[in-house]
Amino acid sequence: MMALRLGLIAADWASATAVLLLASLARYGDGDWLEIWQRYGLDIRVVAALFGLAWVAALWYRGLYRLGTRWRLQSEALDILTRLPQLLGPEGTRIGRPEHG
């Protein structure tokens, strides 16, 4: 059972990392999207990997890696969606938006 848990954790980390990278690519285009993040002093690959770790930690904290606790798609999706705003926080939803004012 430990191998299954570790597999789920690895898959969640990889998918969360990939989603952030793809979202960044979609947002900033395929030309200079890495340079845009470098202007902020960030390496998006490191940020994405840390996001993946934070995602796994949020799911672990919520108890989603206890096997047999929830195997219904509806409850899994609901638990994941409740963690998303907490992980993004107030500043995470404004990344990449131009400042008004």
C-alpha atoms as a PDB file:
ATOM      1  CA  MET A   1       0.000   0.000   0.000  1.00  0.00           C
ATOM      2  CA  MET A   2       2.918   2.339   0.606  1.00  0.00           C
ATOM      3  CA  ALA A   3       3.988   1.994  -3.031  1.00  0.00           C
ATOM      4  CA  LEU A   4       0.505   3.010  -4.153  1.00  0.00           C
ATOM      5  CA  ARG A   5       0.561   6.047  -1.867  1.00  0.00           C
ATOM      6  CA  LEU A   6       3.979   7.093  -3.134  1.00  0.00           C
ATOM      7  CA  GLY A   7       2.784   6.628  -6.700  1.00  0.00           C
ATOM      8  CA  LEU A   8      -0.236   8.842  -6.049  1.00  0.00           C
ATOM      9  CA  ILE A   9       1.958  11.491  -4.444  1.00  0.00           C
ATOM     10  CA  ALA A  10       4.396  11.428  -7.364  1.00  0.00           C
ATOM     11  CA  ALA A  11       1.563  11.648  -9.889  1.00  0.00           C
ATOM     12  CA  ASP A  12      -0.062  14.556  -8.037  1.00  0.00           C
ATOM     13  CA  TRP A  13       3.256  16.409  -7.819  1.00  0.00           C
ATOM     14  CA  ALA A  14       4.007  15.874 -11.506  1.00  0.00           C
ATOM     15  CA  SER A  15       0.525  16.887 -12.643  1.00  0.00           C
ATOM     16  CA  ALA A  16       0.425  20.017 -10.457  1.00  0.00           C
ATOM     17  CA  THR A  17       3.878  21.017 -11.713  1.00  0.00           C
ATOM     18  CA  ALA A  18       2.854  20.443 -15.330  1.00  0.00           C
ATOM     19  CA  VAL A  19      -0.408  22.361 -14.912  1.00  0.00           C
ATOM     20  CA  LEU A  20       1.405  25.428 -13.585  1.00  0.00           C
ATOM     21  CA  LEU A  21       3.962  25.292 -16.395  1.00  0.00           C
ATOM     22  CA  LEU A  22       1.238  24.900 -19.033  1.00  0.00           C
ATOM     23  CA  ALA A  23      -0.845  27.693 -17.501  1.00  0.00           C
ATOM     24  CA  SER A  24       2.193  29.963 -17.565  1.00  0.00           C
ATOM     25  CA  LEU A  25       2.913  29.039 -21.166  1.00  0.00           C
ATOM     26  CA  ALA A  26      -0.712  29.680 -22.133  1.00  0.00           C
ATOM     27  CA  ARG A  27      -0.758  33.003 -20.299  1.00  0.00           C
ATOM     28  CA  TYR A  28       2.535  34.436 -21.542  1.00  0.00           C
ATOM     29  CA  GLY A  29       2.857  32.743 -24.929  1.00  0.00           C
ATOM     30  CA  ASP A  30       5.486  30.467 -26.355  1.00  0.00           C
ATOM     31  CA  GLY A  31       8.097  33.110 -27.193  1.00  0.00           C
ATOM     32  CA  ASP A  32       9.592  34.621 -24.081  1.00  0.00           C
ATOM     33  CA  TRP A  33       7.567  33.218 -21.218  1.00  0.00           C
ATOM     34  CA  LEU A  34      10.681  32.128 -19.310  1.00  0.00           C
ATOM     35  CA  GLU A  35      12.160  35.626 -19.623  1.00  0.00           C
ATOM     36  CA  ILE A  36       8.995  37.184 -18.204  1.00  0.00           C
ATOM     37  CA  TRP A  37       9.380  35.140 -15.014  1.00  0.00           C
ATOM     38  CA  GLN A  38      13.079  35.968 -14.866  1.00  0.00           C
ATOM     39  CA  ARG A  39      12.186  39.661 -14.833  1.00  0.00           C
ATOM     40  CA  TYR A  40      10.377  38.939 -11.562  1.00  0.00           C
ATOM     41  CA  GLY A  41      13.504  37.198 -10.317  1.00  0.00           C
ATOM     42  CA  LEU A  42      11.889  33.766 -10.474  1.00  0.00           C
ATOM     43  CA  ASP A  43      12.680  30.565 -12.309  1.00  0.00           C
ATOM     44  CA  ILE A  44       9.272  29.202 -13.278  1.00  0.00           C
ATOM     45  CA  ARG A  45      10.585  25.637 -13.220  1.00  0.00           C
ATOM     46  CA  VAL A  46      11.536  26.007  -9.556  1.00  0.00           C
ATOM     47  CA  VAL A  47       8.277  27.811  -8.784  1.00  0.00           C
ATOM     48  CA  ALA A  48       6.307  25.036 -10.500  1.00  0.00           C
ATOM     49  CA  ALA A  49       8.161  22.332  -8.573  1.00  0.00           C
ATOM     50  CA  LEU A  50       7.491  24.145  -5.294  1.00  0.00           C
ATOM     51  CA  PHE A  51       3.847  24.585  -6.287  1.00  0.00           C
ATOM     52  CA  GLY A  52       3.682  20.826  -6.853  1.00  0.00           C
ATOM     53  CA  LEU A  53       5.128  20.210  -3.394  1.00  0.00           C
ATOM     54  CA  ALA A  54       2.678  22.652  -1.823  1.00  0.00           C
ATOM     55  CA  TRP A  55      -0.183  20.938  -3.663  1.00  0.00           C
ATOM     56  CA  VAL A  56       0.866  17.528  -2.358  1.00  0.00           C
ATOM     57  CA  ALA A  57       1.238  18.953   1.162  1.00  0.00           C
ATOM     58  CA  ALA A  58      -2.269  20.454   0.998  1.00  0.00           C
ATOM     59  CA  LEU A  59      -3.746  17.158  -0.154  1.00  0.00           C
ATOM     60  CA  TRP A  60      -1.801  15.239   2.494  1.00  0.00           C
ATOM     61  CA  TYR A  61      -2.949  17.658   5.204  1.00  0.00           C
ATOM     62  CA  ARG A  62      -6.522  17.133   4.093  1.00  0.00           C
ATOM     63  CA  GLY A  63      -6.022  13.380   4.437  1.00  0.00           C
ATOM     64  CA  LEU A  64      -6.450  12.475   0.804  1.00  0.00           C
ATOM     65  CA  TYR A  65      -3.576  10.005   0.814  1.00  0.00           C
ATOM     66  CA  ARG A  66      -5.270   7.738   3.350  1.00  0.00           C
ATOM     67  CA  LEU A  67      -6.313   4.881   1.167  1.00  0.00           C
ATOM     68  CA  GLY A  68      -9.893   3.768   1.413  1.00  0.00           C
ATOM     69  CA  THR A  69     -11.201   6.973   2.961  1.00  0.00           C
ATOM     70  CA  ARG A  70     -12.669   8.450  -0.209  1.00  0.00           C
ATOM     71  CA  TRP A  71     -12.988   6.719  -3.493  1.00  0.00           C
ATOM     72  CA  ARG A  72     -15.929   8.680  -4.883  1.00  0.00           C
ATOM     73  CA  LEU A  73     -15.125  11.143  -7.655  1.00  0.00           C
ATOM     74  CA  GLN A  74     -17.470  13.783  -6.261  1.00  0.00           C
ATOM     75  CA  SER A  75     -15.863  13.890  -2.813  1.00  0.00           C
ATOM     76  CA  GLU A  76     -12.335  13.849  -4.307  1.00  0.00           C
ATOM     77  CA  ALA A  77     -13.119  16.760  -6.630  1.00  0.00           C
ATOM     78  CA  LEU A  78     -14.771  18.713  -3.819  1.00  0.00           C
ATOM     79  CA  ASP A  79     -11.779  18.249  -1.508  1.00  0.00           C
ATOM     80  CA  ILE A  80      -9.339  19.302  -4.210  1.00  0.00           C
ATOM     81  CA  LEU A  81     -11.376  22.388  -5.112  1.00  0.00           C
ATOM     82  CA  THR A  82     -11.547  23.458  -1.460  1.00  0.00           C
ATOM     83  CA  ARG A  83      -7.728  23.380  -1.255  1.00  0.00           C
ATOM     84  CA  LEU A  84      -7.128  25.453  -4.410  1.00  0.00           C
ATOM     85  CA  PRO A  85      -8.036  28.912  -3.003  1.00  0.00           C
ATOM     86  CA  GLN A  86      -5.995  28.251   0.126  1.00  0.00           C
ATOM     87  CA  LEU A  87      -2.984  27.294  -1.940  1.00  0.00           C
ATOM     88  CA  LEU A  88      -3.222  30.263  -4.282  1.00  0.00           C
ATOM     89  CA  GLY A  89      -3.910  32.780  -1.552  1.00  0.00           C
ATOM     90  CA  PRO A  90      -4.846  36.406  -2.197  1.00  0.00           C
ATOM     91  CA  GLU A  91      -1.729  37.187  -4.255  1.00  0.00           C
ATOM     92  CA  GLY A  92      -1.738  34.025  -6.357  1.00  0.00           C
ATOM     93  CA  THR A  93      -4.848  35.018  -8.235  1.00  0.00           C
ATOM     94  CA  ARG A  94      -3.269  38.294  -9.392  1.00  0.00           C
ATOM     95  CA  ILE A  95      -0.067  36.908 -10.937  1.00  0.00           C
ATOM     96  CA  GLY A  96       0.320  38.116 -14.483  1.00  0.00           C
ATOM     97  CA  ARG A  97      -2.471  40.671 -14.388  1.00  0.00           C
ATOM     98  CA  PRO A  98      -1.531  44.230 -15.258  1.00  0.00           C
ATOM     99  CA  GLU A  99      -1.742  46.837 -12.529  1.00  0.00           C
ATOM    100  CA  HIS A 100      -4.548  49.360 -12.855  1.00  0.00           C
ATOM    101  CA  GLY A 101      -4.364  52.796 -11.451  1.00  0.00           C
END
